[in-house]
């Protein structure tokens, strides 16, 4: 059985500050600290090699029960991280306060217990932590019973019960919104946009839900923010970017007006700015799109946005979407500079990034290299997508990667391979539930071009293809391909013999 990499991954995820805290907290402990030897050795490894670890410590007694030592170390690191971040998140603070309340209650220190309870309830209300609030109210009811037994009847139990009922309603309301969000997010993550009537019907069903369509259905700030976020995602998935802009802008306003909740919903705030950027891109307002991207970059390292998860998300957007923004403007040289200057950082980000972010990076890098005429390099990068067997995630990227593959082979004059790739692309597109025509039409025309013997024979096919493509692009749904590859400008460049890059830039200026 292959050794588990879980301990290695956890150690490698630690920041310098987290490692230093772990070492300091360990130094306080007495007794043997074999786990520190394992920690240091694994930390020095670039890739986990358990055989090498065992060989290095073969003279040590603890190596005979390495699995239990590794498990012990894993738990110690988690304990250290809990202590390190104990005061950095609201949830952690409230967990500590609940522990304090329980200890004081069990010691019959009811007066002190009430002080902690009052403070914790204020925090829970301010941050709309309804789950914790319900538990705190439960403790308040117990303290009320103690007050009654002491002859103190000043506390109104009915008021406490009413507050508990309100908290339960808000928690249930928020949970219902999260179910709707999961459904629309699944569609967005699988395809990037709706590809057929079945998906459009699902989006319509979500957007017509009484919680989304009705007025005043969100009974908390958290619920209001996710309500408008769902509305925005429904509109974006259907490519209704004008509506999407309105809803995401409202989400941003709600979070900006409630900074404590905004810090607790850091991921939602980043993604809200990301979707606003997409809306500006659809308007071809690249100045405002860049402004949204710069706002995301500025969040890096700030309180509420400095966890590893959010740091990775910000860095991914900073690299990938900056490249994409340059590509869409025909600024392929700038995109290449971004790619080259971030190469070392990109490698570290890439290793820890989600599969979706890895695919997005590869696609944008391949299109950048295509734009600057580095066709062989572009093909090498693109092959990492084409050789992937992923079946469910971001089918838009996998589909358009096949279109880009055809363009690259054409530029490399791999005409024999082009026909094979065309047939492969058609088979792939036929397997996907989609009612768009533009990819299929383009692939079939590329297959025709692969069979032409001379440039003179190719021109009529370019013109015929461009005519068909322009007719299809009148449908807003078909225009989605231009968000990934400007096949319109590519075809024009072949007909007029103008530079592809110049045509993309001229189109943006126009």
Protein backbone atom coordinates (compact mmCIF):
# COMPACT_ATOMS: atom_id res chain seq x y z
CA UNK A 1 0.00 0.00 0.00
CA UNK A 2 1.29 3.44 -0.94
CA UNK A 3 2.16 5.56 2.14
CA UNK A 4 -0.23 8.43 2.85
CA UNK A 5 0.87 11.95 1.91
CA UNK A 6 -1.54 13.63 4.36
CA UNK A 7 1.11 14.55 6.95
CA UNK A 8 3.49 15.81 4.24
CA UNK A 9 0.72 17.94 2.68
CA UNK A 10 -0.20 19.43 6.07
CA UNK A 11 3.42 20.30 6.93
CA UNK A 12 3.99 21.84 3.50
CA UNK A 13 0.86 23.97 3.88
CA UNK A 14 2.22 25.66 7.03
CA UNK A 15 3.46 29.24 6.89
CA UNK A 16 6.70 30.34 8.59
CA UNK A 17 4.68 31.83 11.46
CA UNK A 18 2.68 28.63 11.93
CA UNK A 19 5.86 26.52 11.96
CA UNK A 20 7.50 28.85 14.48
CA UNK A 21 4.44 28.69 16.74
CA UNK A 22 4.39 24.88 16.52
CA UNK A 23 8.08 24.68 17.48
CA UNK A 24 7.62 27.12 20.39
CA UNK A 25 4.57 25.29 21.76
CA UNK A 26 6.45 21.96 21.43
CA UNK A 27 9.46 23.33 23.36
CA UNK A 28 7.23 23.77 26.42
CA UNK A 29 6.35 20.06 26.45
CA UNK A 30 8.44 17.58 28.44
CA UNK A 31 9.62 14.10 27.49
CA UNK A 32 10.84 12.67 24.19
CA UNK A 33 9.98 14.63 21.08
CA UNK A 34 10.52 12.17 18.28
CA UNK A 35 7.72 13.86 16.39
CA UNK A 36 9.92 16.97 15.97
CA UNK A 37 12.59 14.88 14.24
CA UNK A 38 9.97 13.56 11.84
CA UNK A 39 8.57 17.08 11.37
CA UNK A 40 11.97 18.57 10.44
CA UNK A 41 12.87 15.73 8.09
CA UNK A 42 9.57 15.82 6.20
CA UNK A 43 9.68 19.63 6.08
CA UNK A 44 13.04 19.40 4.27
CA UNK A 45 11.69 17.01 1.62
CA UNK A 46 10.51 18.33 -1.75
CA UNK A 47 8.40 15.22 -2.32
CA UNK A 48 7.30 12.74 0.30
CA UNK A 49 9.53 9.66 0.40
CA UNK A 50 8.69 7.37 3.31
CA UNK A 51 11.36 4.82 2.41
CA UNK A 52 13.95 7.57 2.65
CA UNK A 53 12.49 8.66 6.00
CA UNK A 54 12.71 5.12 7.38
CA UNK A 55 16.26 4.70 6.15
CA UNK A 56 17.33 7.98 7.78
CA UNK A 57 15.90 7.00 11.19
CA UNK A 58 16.59 3.25 11.01
CA UNK A 59 18.63 3.35 14.24
CA UNK A 60 15.80 5.09 16.16
CA UNK A 61 13.35 2.99 18.19
CA UNK A 62 10.33 5.08 17.23
CA UNK A 63 10.67 4.16 13.53
CA UNK A 64 9.21 0.71 14.32
CA UNK A 65 5.84 2.31 15.01
CA UNK A 66 6.05 5.11 12.44
CA UNK A 67 2.31 5.17 11.57
CA UNK A 68 1.34 6.00 15.18
CA UNK A 69 4.14 8.61 15.39
CA UNK A 70 2.89 10.24 12.19
CA UNK A 71 -0.68 10.23 13.47
CA UNK A 72 0.48 11.78 16.76
CA UNK A 73 2.38 14.51 14.89
CA UNK A 74 -0.63 15.23 12.65
CA UNK A 75 -2.87 15.76 15.67
CA UNK A 76 -0.27 17.95 17.41
CA UNK A 77 0.02 20.20 14.35
CA UNK A 78 -3.78 20.57 14.19
CA UNK A 79 -3.87 21.38 17.92
CA UNK A 80 -1.15 23.99 17.40
CA UNK A 81 -3.09 25.54 14.50
CA UNK A 82 -6.26 25.68 16.62
CA UNK A 83 -4.33 27.62 19.26
CA UNK A 84 -2.62 29.82 16.67
CA UNK A 85 -5.93 30.81 15.06
CA UNK A 86 -7.96 30.71 18.26
CA UNK A 87 -8.52 34.46 18.28
CA UNK A 88 -8.54 35.05 14.52
CA UNK A 89 -12.01 33.88 13.52
CA UNK A 90 -15.38 34.63 15.07
CA UNK A 91 -16.29 30.94 15.15
CA UNK A 92 -13.10 30.15 17.08
CA UNK A 93 -13.80 32.94 19.57
CA UNK A 94 -17.37 31.75 20.13
CA UNK A 95 -16.21 28.15 20.61
CA UNK A 96 -13.77 29.35 23.29
CA UNK A 97 -16.50 31.41 24.96
CA UNK A 98 -18.86 28.43 25.03
CA UNK A 99 -16.12 26.38 26.71
CA UNK A 100 -15.61 29.15 29.28
CA UNK A 101 -19.35 29.34 29.94
CA UNK A 102 -19.55 25.58 30.46
CA UNK A 103 -16.59 25.60 32.88
CA UNK A 104 -17.93 28.52 34.93
CA UNK A 105 -21.42 26.99 35.03
CA UNK A 106 -20.10 23.64 36.26
CA UNK A 107 -18.22 25.48 39.01
CA UNK A 108 -21.48 27.22 40.02
CA UNK A 109 -19.93 30.63 39.22
CA UNK A 110 -23.18 31.85 37.72
CA UNK A 111 -22.54 35.58 37.99
CA UNK A 112 -19.27 35.29 36.06
CA UNK A 113 -20.95 32.90 33.65
CA UNK A 114 -23.59 35.53 32.79
CA UNK A 115 -20.87 38.06 31.92
CA UNK A 116 -19.27 35.68 29.43
CA UNK A 117 -22.70 34.76 28.06
CA UNK A 118 -23.71 38.38 27.50
CA UNK A 119 -20.47 39.15 25.65
CA UNK A 120 -20.67 36.00 23.50
CA UNK A 121 -24.31 36.72 22.55
CA UNK A 122 -23.36 40.23 21.44
CA UNK A 123 -20.62 38.79 19.18
CA UNK A 124 -22.98 36.13 17.79
CA UNK A 125 -25.64 38.76 17.00
CA UNK A 126 -23.16 41.14 15.36
CA UNK A 127 -21.78 38.42 13.09
CA UNK A 128 -25.11 36.60 12.62
CA UNK A 129 -23.74 33.32 13.92
CA UNK A 130 -27.14 31.76 14.44
CA UNK A 131 -25.93 28.25 15.23
CA UNK A 132 -23.79 29.55 18.11
CA UNK A 133 -26.56 31.93 19.16
CA UNK A 134 -29.01 29.05 19.60
CA UNK A 135 -26.49 27.21 21.80
CA UNK A 136 -25.82 30.37 23.83
CA UNK A 137 -29.56 30.92 24.34
CA UNK A 138 -29.78 27.33 25.58
CA UNK A 139 -27.19 28.20 28.28
CA UNK A 140 -29.13 31.38 29.06
CA UNK A 141 -32.24 29.31 29.76
CA UNK A 142 -30.26 27.13 32.15
CA UNK A 143 -28.94 30.19 33.95
CA UNK A 144 -32.50 31.54 34.15
CA UNK A 145 -33.57 28.36 35.95
CA UNK A 146 -30.72 28.90 38.43
CA UNK A 147 -31.93 32.48 38.96
CA UNK A 148 -35.47 31.26 39.67
CA UNK A 149 -34.14 28.78 42.24
CA UNK A 150 -32.35 31.70 43.92
CA UNK A 151 -35.57 33.68 44.06
CA UNK A 152 -34.65 36.07 41.21
CA UNK A 153 -37.63 36.34 38.86
CA UNK A 154 -36.50 39.48 36.98
CA UNK A 155 -35.53 37.54 33.84
CA UNK A 156 -38.30 37.20 31.23
CA UNK A 157 -38.16 33.60 30.00
CA UNK A 158 -40.74 34.30 27.26
CA UNK A 159 -38.45 36.92 25.76
CA UNK A 160 -35.58 34.39 25.69
CA UNK A 161 -37.82 31.78 24.01
CA UNK A 162 -38.93 34.36 21.45
CA UNK A 163 -35.29 35.22 20.69
CA UNK A 164 -34.47 31.52 20.30
CA UNK A 165 -37.37 31.02 17.90
CA UNK A 166 -36.19 33.98 15.80
CA UNK A 167 -32.64 32.58 15.66
CA UNK A 168 -33.94 29.16 14.58
CA UNK A 169 -36.01 30.79 11.81
CA UNK A 170 -32.99 32.73 10.55
CA UNK A 171 -30.80 29.64 10.60
CA UNK A 172 -33.41 27.63 8.68
CA UNK A 173 -33.87 30.49 6.18
CA UNK A 174 -30.12 30.69 5.58
CA UNK A 175 -29.88 26.90 5.15
CA UNK A 176 -32.58 27.00 2.44
CA UNK A 177 -30.59 29.61 0.53
CA UNK A 178 -27.46 27.47 0.77
CA UNK A 179 -29.33 24.55 -0.83
CA UNK A 180 -30.31 26.77 -3.77
CA UNK A 181 -26.74 28.05 -4.04
CA UNK A 182 -25.39 24.49 -4.21
CA UNK A 183 -27.68 23.73 -7.15
CA UNK A 184 -26.77 26.78 -9.27
CA UNK A 185 -23.09 26.47 -8.37
CA UNK A 186 -23.07 22.86 -9.64
CA UNK A 187 -24.25 24.05 -13.07
CA UNK A 188 -21.75 26.90 -13.16
CA UNK A 189 -18.81 24.70 -12.11
CA UNK A 190 -19.65 21.95 -14.60
CA UNK A 191 -19.99 24.11 -17.70
CA UNK A 192 -19.36 27.79 -16.97
CA UNK A 193 -22.71 28.60 -18.64
CA UNK A 194 -25.95 26.81 -19.54
CA UNK A 195 -25.47 24.57 -22.57
CA UNK A 196 -28.94 23.13 -23.16
CA UNK A 197 -32.66 23.56 -22.38
CA UNK A 198 -32.48 21.15 -19.46
CA UNK A 199 -29.88 23.30 -17.67
CA UNK A 200 -31.74 26.50 -18.57
CA UNK A 201 -34.92 25.01 -17.06
CA UNK A 202 -33.03 24.22 -13.84
CA UNK A 203 -31.71 27.78 -13.63
CA UNK A 204 -35.22 29.13 -14.28
CA UNK A 205 -36.60 26.89 -11.52
CA UNK A 206 -34.00 28.25 -9.07
CA UNK A 207 -34.53 31.89 -10.05
CA UNK A 208 -38.32 31.41 -9.77
CA UNK A 209 -38.08 29.99 -6.25
CA UNK A 210 -40.06 32.10 -3.78
CA UNK A 211 -36.90 32.75 -1.75
CA UNK A 212 -35.24 34.29 -4.81
CA UNK A 213 -38.20 35.90 -6.55
CA UNK A 214 -40.18 37.06 -3.52
CA UNK A 215 -39.73 40.31 -1.61
CA UNK A 216 -38.26 40.43 1.90
CA UNK A 217 -37.73 36.65 1.93
CA UNK A 218 -34.17 36.96 3.28
CA UNK A 219 -34.51 37.60 7.03
CA UNK A 220 -30.86 38.29 7.82
CA UNK A 221 -27.92 40.13 6.25
CA UNK A 222 -26.17 36.84 5.49
CA UNK A 223 -29.29 35.54 3.77
CA UNK A 224 -29.69 38.78 1.78
CA UNK A 225 -26.10 38.59 0.54
CA UNK A 226 -26.44 34.98 -0.64
CA UNK A 227 -29.88 35.70 -2.13
CA UNK A 228 -28.48 38.40 -4.44
CA UNK A 229 -25.39 36.28 -5.09
CA UNK A 230 -27.63 33.40 -6.29
CA UNK A 231 -29.56 35.84 -8.49
CA UNK A 232 -26.30 37.06 -9.98
CA UNK A 233 -25.02 33.54 -10.58
CA UNK A 234 -28.30 32.49 -12.25
CA UNK A 235 -28.07 35.48 -14.59
CA UNK A 236 -24.36 34.92 -15.31
CA UNK A 237 -24.90 31.22 -16.03
CA UNK A 238 -27.55 32.24 -18.57
CA UNK A 239 -25.17 34.94 -19.87
CA UNK A 240 -27.57 37.74 -18.90
CA UNK A 241 -24.70 39.95 -17.78
CA UNK A 242 -26.71 43.18 -17.40
CA UNK A 243 -28.89 41.53 -14.73
CA UNK A 244 -25.86 39.74 -13.31
CA UNK A 245 -24.09 43.09 -12.85
CA UNK A 246 -27.09 44.52 -10.95
CA UNK A 247 -27.33 41.56 -8.58
CA UNK A 248 -23.60 41.18 -7.87
CA UNK A 249 -23.31 44.91 -7.32
CA UNK A 250 -26.08 44.63 -4.73
CA UNK A 251 -24.22 41.73 -3.06
CA UNK A 252 -21.10 43.90 -2.85
CA UNK A 253 -23.08 46.80 -1.33
CA UNK A 254 -24.59 44.56 1.36
CA UNK A 255 -21.19 43.17 2.36
CA UNK A 256 -19.48 46.59 2.26
CA UNK A 257 -22.13 47.98 4.60
CA UNK A 258 -21.62 45.09 7.03
CA UNK A 259 -17.82 44.81 7.43
CA UNK A 260 -17.94 42.21 10.23
CA UNK A 261 -20.00 39.84 8.11
CA UNK A 262 -17.93 40.71 5.03
CA UNK A 263 -14.74 39.54 6.79
CA UNK A 264 -16.45 36.28 7.70
CA UNK A 265 -17.62 35.82 4.10
CA UNK A 266 -14.27 36.58 2.46
CA UNK A 267 -14.66 33.98 -0.28
CA UNK A 268 -18.08 35.31 -1.28
CA UNK A 269 -16.72 38.86 -1.44
CA UNK A 270 -13.78 37.82 -3.68
CA UNK A 271 -16.08 35.89 -6.01
CA UNK A 272 -18.54 38.80 -6.12
CA UNK A 273 -15.74 41.07 -7.40
CA UNK A 274 -14.71 38.31 -9.82
CA UNK A 275 -18.23 38.09 -11.29
CA UNK A 276 -18.46 41.88 -11.55
CA UNK A 277 -15.22 41.72 -13.53
CA UNK A 278 -16.84 39.19 -15.89
CA UNK A 279 -19.81 41.53 -16.34
CA UNK A 280 -17.51 44.40 -17.34
CA UNK A 281 -15.66 42.09 -19.73
CA UNK A 282 -18.98 41.26 -21.42
CA UNK A 283 -19.58 45.01 -21.83
CA UNK A 284 -16.01 45.25 -23.21
CA UNK A 285 -15.36 47.79 -20.48
CA UNK A 286 -11.81 46.61 -19.84
CA UNK A 287 -10.94 49.62 -17.68
CA UNK A 288 -13.58 48.70 -15.08
CA UNK A 289 -12.77 45.00 -15.44
CA UNK A 290 -9.15 45.82 -14.55
CA UNK A 291 -10.38 47.93 -11.61
CA UNK A 292 -12.30 44.93 -10.20
CA UNK A 293 -9.25 42.72 -10.69
CA UNK A 294 -7.05 45.27 -8.90
CA UNK A 295 -9.54 45.34 -6.00
CA UNK A 296 -9.21 41.56 -5.69
CA UNK A 297 -5.39 41.79 -5.75
CA UNK A 298 -5.50 44.47 -3.02
CA UNK A 299 -7.29 42.05 -0.65
CA UNK A 300 -4.26 39.74 -0.50
CA UNK A 301 -2.92 39.46 3.07
CA UNK A 302 -5.63 41.63 4.61
CA UNK A 303 -7.55 40.56 7.69
CA UNK A 304 -10.33 38.17 6.77
CA UNK A 305 -8.63 37.32 3.47
CA UNK A 306 -5.31 35.90 4.71
CA UNK A 307 -6.15 32.21 5.10
CA UNK A 308 -4.29 29.84 2.75
CA UNK A 309 -7.53 29.01 0.92
CA UNK A 310 -8.34 32.67 0.17
CA UNK A 311 -4.69 33.57 -0.51
CA UNK A 312 -4.60 30.86 -3.18
CA UNK A 313 -7.90 32.07 -4.64
CA UNK A 314 -6.66 35.68 -4.84
CA UNK A 315 -3.31 34.65 -6.35
CA UNK A 316 -4.99 32.39 -8.91
CA UNK A 317 -7.32 35.17 -10.03
CA UNK A 318 -4.40 37.64 -10.03
CA UNK A 319 -2.41 35.45 -12.43
CA UNK A 320 -5.03 33.60 -14.51
CA UNK A 321 -7.59 36.34 -14.97
CA UNK A 322 -4.97 39.02 -15.55
CA UNK A 323 -3.67 36.87 -18.42
CA UNK A 324 -7.22 36.38 -19.69
CA UNK A 325 -7.93 40.11 -19.52
CA UNK A 326 -4.82 40.84 -21.58
CA UNK A 327 -5.67 38.07 -24.08
CA UNK A 328 -9.17 39.43 -24.69
CA UNK A 329 -7.68 42.84 -25.52
CA UNK A 330 -5.13 41.33 -27.90
CA UNK A 331 -2.35 42.25 -25.46
CA UNK A 332 -0.74 38.85 -25.78
CA UNK A 333 2.77 40.22 -25.14
CA UNK A 334 1.60 41.62 -21.79
CA UNK A 335 -0.05 38.30 -20.98
CA UNK A 336 3.22 36.53 -21.80
CA UNK A 337 5.14 38.86 -19.46
CA UNK A 338 2.61 38.05 -16.73
CA UNK A 339 3.09 34.35 -17.42
CA UNK A 340 6.89 34.54 -17.45
CA UNK A 341 7.33 36.81 -14.41
CA UNK A 342 4.97 34.67 -12.34
CA UNK A 343 6.54 31.37 -13.44
CA UNK A 344 8.13 30.46 -10.08
CA UNK A 345 5.18 31.69 -8.05
CA UNK A 346 2.83 30.05 -10.53
CA UNK A 347 4.42 26.62 -9.94
CA UNK A 348 3.81 26.86 -6.18
CA UNK A 349 0.25 28.12 -6.71
CA UNK A 350 -0.44 25.45 -9.32
CA UNK A 351 0.49 22.57 -7.01
CA UNK A 352 -1.98 23.65 -4.34
CA UNK A 353 -4.74 24.96 -6.61
CA UNK A 354 -8.04 23.26 -7.35
CA UNK A 355 -8.47 21.26 -10.54
CA UNK A 356 -10.65 24.00 -12.00
CA UNK A 357 -7.98 26.66 -11.45
CA UNK A 358 -5.32 24.41 -12.99
CA UNK A 359 -7.42 23.91 -16.14
CA UNK A 360 -8.12 27.65 -16.40
CA UNK A 361 -4.43 28.44 -16.09
CA UNK A 362 -3.41 25.91 -18.75
CA UNK A 363 -6.03 27.16 -21.20
CA UNK A 364 -5.14 30.83 -20.77
CA UNK A 365 -1.40 30.06 -20.98
CA UNK A 366 -1.94 28.09 -24.22
CA UNK A 367 -4.00 30.93 -25.75
CA UNK A 368 -1.34 33.47 -24.72
CA UNK A 369 1.38 31.41 -26.41
CA UNK A 370 -0.85 30.99 -29.48
CA UNK A 371 -1.33 34.77 -29.61
CA UNK A 372 2.42 35.45 -29.64
CA UNK A 373 3.04 32.76 -32.26
CA UNK A 374 4.73 30.24 -29.94
CA UNK A 375 2.66 27.41 -31.40
CA UNK A 376 4.78 24.45 -30.29
CA UNK A 377 4.88 25.71 -26.72
CA UNK A 378 1.13 26.37 -26.84
CA UNK A 379 0.49 22.80 -28.02
CA UNK A 380 2.64 21.36 -25.24
CA UNK A 381 0.65 23.28 -22.59
CA UNK A 382 -2.71 22.48 -24.19
CA UNK A 383 -1.97 18.75 -24.29
CA UNK A 384 -2.20 18.67 -20.48
CA UNK A 385 -5.90 19.53 -20.88
CA UNK A 386 -6.56 17.32 -23.89
CA UNK A 387 -4.99 14.27 -22.22
CA UNK A 388 -7.12 14.72 -19.10
CA UNK A 389 -10.05 12.35 -18.65
CA UNK A 390 -12.14 14.81 -16.62
CA UNK A 391 -15.81 14.34 -17.50
CA UNK A 392 -17.78 16.74 -15.33
CA UNK A 393 -15.77 19.85 -14.45
CA UNK A 394 -15.77 22.98 -16.69
CA UNK A 395 -16.79 21.36 -19.95
CA UNK A 396 -16.58 24.79 -21.58
CA UNK A 397 -12.79 24.81 -21.17
CA UNK A 398 -12.43 21.22 -22.38
CA UNK A 399 -14.59 21.96 -25.44
CA UNK A 400 -12.81 25.16 -26.47
CA UNK A 401 -9.43 23.56 -25.81
CA UNK A 402 -10.24 21.30 -28.76
CA UNK A 403 -11.01 24.31 -30.97
CA UNK A 404 -7.73 25.95 -29.95
CA UNK A 405 -5.94 22.66 -30.65
CA UNK A 406 -7.17 22.76 -34.26
CA UNK A 407 -5.96 26.34 -34.74
CA UNK A 408 -2.51 25.49 -33.38
CA UNK A 409 -2.14 22.42 -35.63
CA UNK A 410 -3.24 24.52 -38.59
CA UNK A 411 -0.61 27.17 -37.84
CA UNK A 412 2.00 24.41 -37.51
CA UNK A 413 0.81 23.02 -40.88
CA UNK A 414 0.10 19.63 -39.32
CA UNK A 415 -2.65 19.06 -41.90
CA UNK A 416 -2.76 15.27 -41.63
CA UNK A 417 -3.08 15.45 -37.85
CA UNK A 418 -5.62 18.28 -38.24
CA UNK A 419 -8.16 15.97 -39.88
CA UNK A 420 -7.68 13.38 -37.14
CA UNK A 421 -8.09 16.10 -34.45
CA UNK A 422 -11.22 17.41 -36.18
CA UNK A 423 -12.84 13.97 -36.07
CA UNK A 424 -11.83 13.60 -32.42
CA UNK A 425 -13.30 17.02 -31.60
CA UNK A 426 -16.60 16.17 -33.33
CA UNK A 427 -16.87 12.92 -31.35
CA UNK A 428 -16.21 14.82 -28.12
CA UNK A 429 -18.75 17.57 -28.89
CA UNK A 430 -21.40 15.01 -29.81
CA UNK A 431 -21.08 13.40 -26.38
CA UNK A 432 -21.84 16.67 -24.57
CA UNK A 433 -25.43 17.77 -24.01
CA UNK A 434 -25.33 21.13 -25.80
CA UNK A 435 -27.55 22.94 -28.26
CA UNK A 436 -24.94 25.35 -29.64
CA UNK A 437 -23.80 24.98 -33.25
CA UNK A 438 -20.78 27.21 -33.60
CA UNK A 439 -18.14 24.73 -32.40
CA UNK A 440 -19.43 21.93 -34.66
CA UNK A 441 -19.68 24.22 -37.72
CA UNK A 442 -16.16 25.53 -37.15
CA UNK A 443 -14.65 22.06 -36.67
CA UNK A 444 -16.27 20.76 -39.88
CA UNK A 445 -14.93 23.75 -41.82
CA UNK A 446 -11.45 23.18 -40.36
CA UNK A 447 -11.66 19.62 -41.64
CA UNK A 448 -12.32 21.04 -45.13
CA UNK A 449 -9.31 23.32 -44.81
CA UNK A 450 -7.11 20.37 -43.85
CA UNK A 451 -7.93 18.79 -47.23
CA UNK A 452 -7.11 21.82 -49.40
CA UNK A 453 -3.89 21.69 -51.37
CA UNK A 454 -3.28 25.37 -52.07
CA UNK A 455 -3.79 28.76 -50.45
CA UNK A 456 -6.02 29.75 -53.38
CA UNK A 457 -8.39 26.87 -52.55
CA UNK A 458 -8.43 27.86 -48.87
CA UNK A 459 -9.68 31.46 -49.28
CA UNK A 460 -13.27 30.53 -50.31
CA UNK A 461 -13.48 28.15 -47.33
CA UNK A 462 -12.26 30.89 -44.96
CA UNK A 463 -14.88 33.24 -46.39
CA UNK A 464 -17.63 30.63 -46.21
CA UNK A 465 -16.67 29.78 -42.61
CA UNK A 466 -16.59 33.44 -41.57
CA UNK A 467 -20.01 34.02 -43.12
CA UNK A 468 -21.49 31.06 -41.25
CA UNK A 469 -19.81 32.08 -37.99
CA UNK A 470 -21.00 35.69 -38.22
CA UNK A 471 -24.56 34.52 -38.80
CA UNK A 472 -24.39 32.24 -35.74
CA UNK A 473 -22.84 35.02 -33.61
CA UNK A 474 -26.08 36.99 -33.91
CA UNK A 475 -27.35 34.59 -31.22
CA UNK A 476 -26.07 35.79 -27.84
CA UNK A 477 -25.64 32.20 -26.62
CA UNK A 478 -23.37 31.36 -29.57
CA UNK A 479 -21.14 34.38 -28.80
CA UNK A 480 -19.73 32.60 -25.74
CA UNK A 481 -16.86 31.23 -27.84
CA UNK A 482 -15.44 34.77 -28.22
CA UNK A 483 -14.88 34.86 -24.44
CA UNK A 484 -12.35 32.07 -24.96
CA UNK A 485 -11.01 32.29 -28.55
CA UNK A 486 -11.58 35.02 -31.11
CA UNK A 487 -12.16 32.73 -34.10
CA UNK A 488 -13.79 35.65 -35.93
CA UNK A 489 -10.53 37.66 -35.98
CA UNK A 490 -8.52 34.53 -36.78
CA UNK A 491 -10.61 33.85 -39.90
CA UNK A 492 -10.40 37.51 -40.95
CA UNK A 493 -6.61 37.39 -40.55
CA UNK A 494 -6.43 34.46 -42.97
CA UNK A 495 -8.59 36.21 -45.55
CA UNK A 496 -6.99 39.67 -45.34
CA UNK A 497 -3.49 38.49 -44.33
CA UNK A 498 -3.52 41.03 -41.51
CA UNK A 499 -2.03 40.13 -38.14
CA UNK A 500 -4.39 38.23 -35.82
CA UNK A 501 -3.15 40.35 -32.90
CA UNK A 502 -3.72 43.62 -34.79
CA UNK A 503 -7.26 42.59 -35.69
CA UNK A 504 -8.12 41.70 -32.06
CA UNK A 505 -6.72 45.04 -30.85
CA UNK A 506 -8.55 46.99 -33.57
CA UNK A 507 -11.78 45.23 -32.63
CA UNK A 508 -11.35 46.28 -28.98
CA UNK A 509 -10.66 49.91 -29.96
CA UNK A 510 -13.70 49.93 -32.22
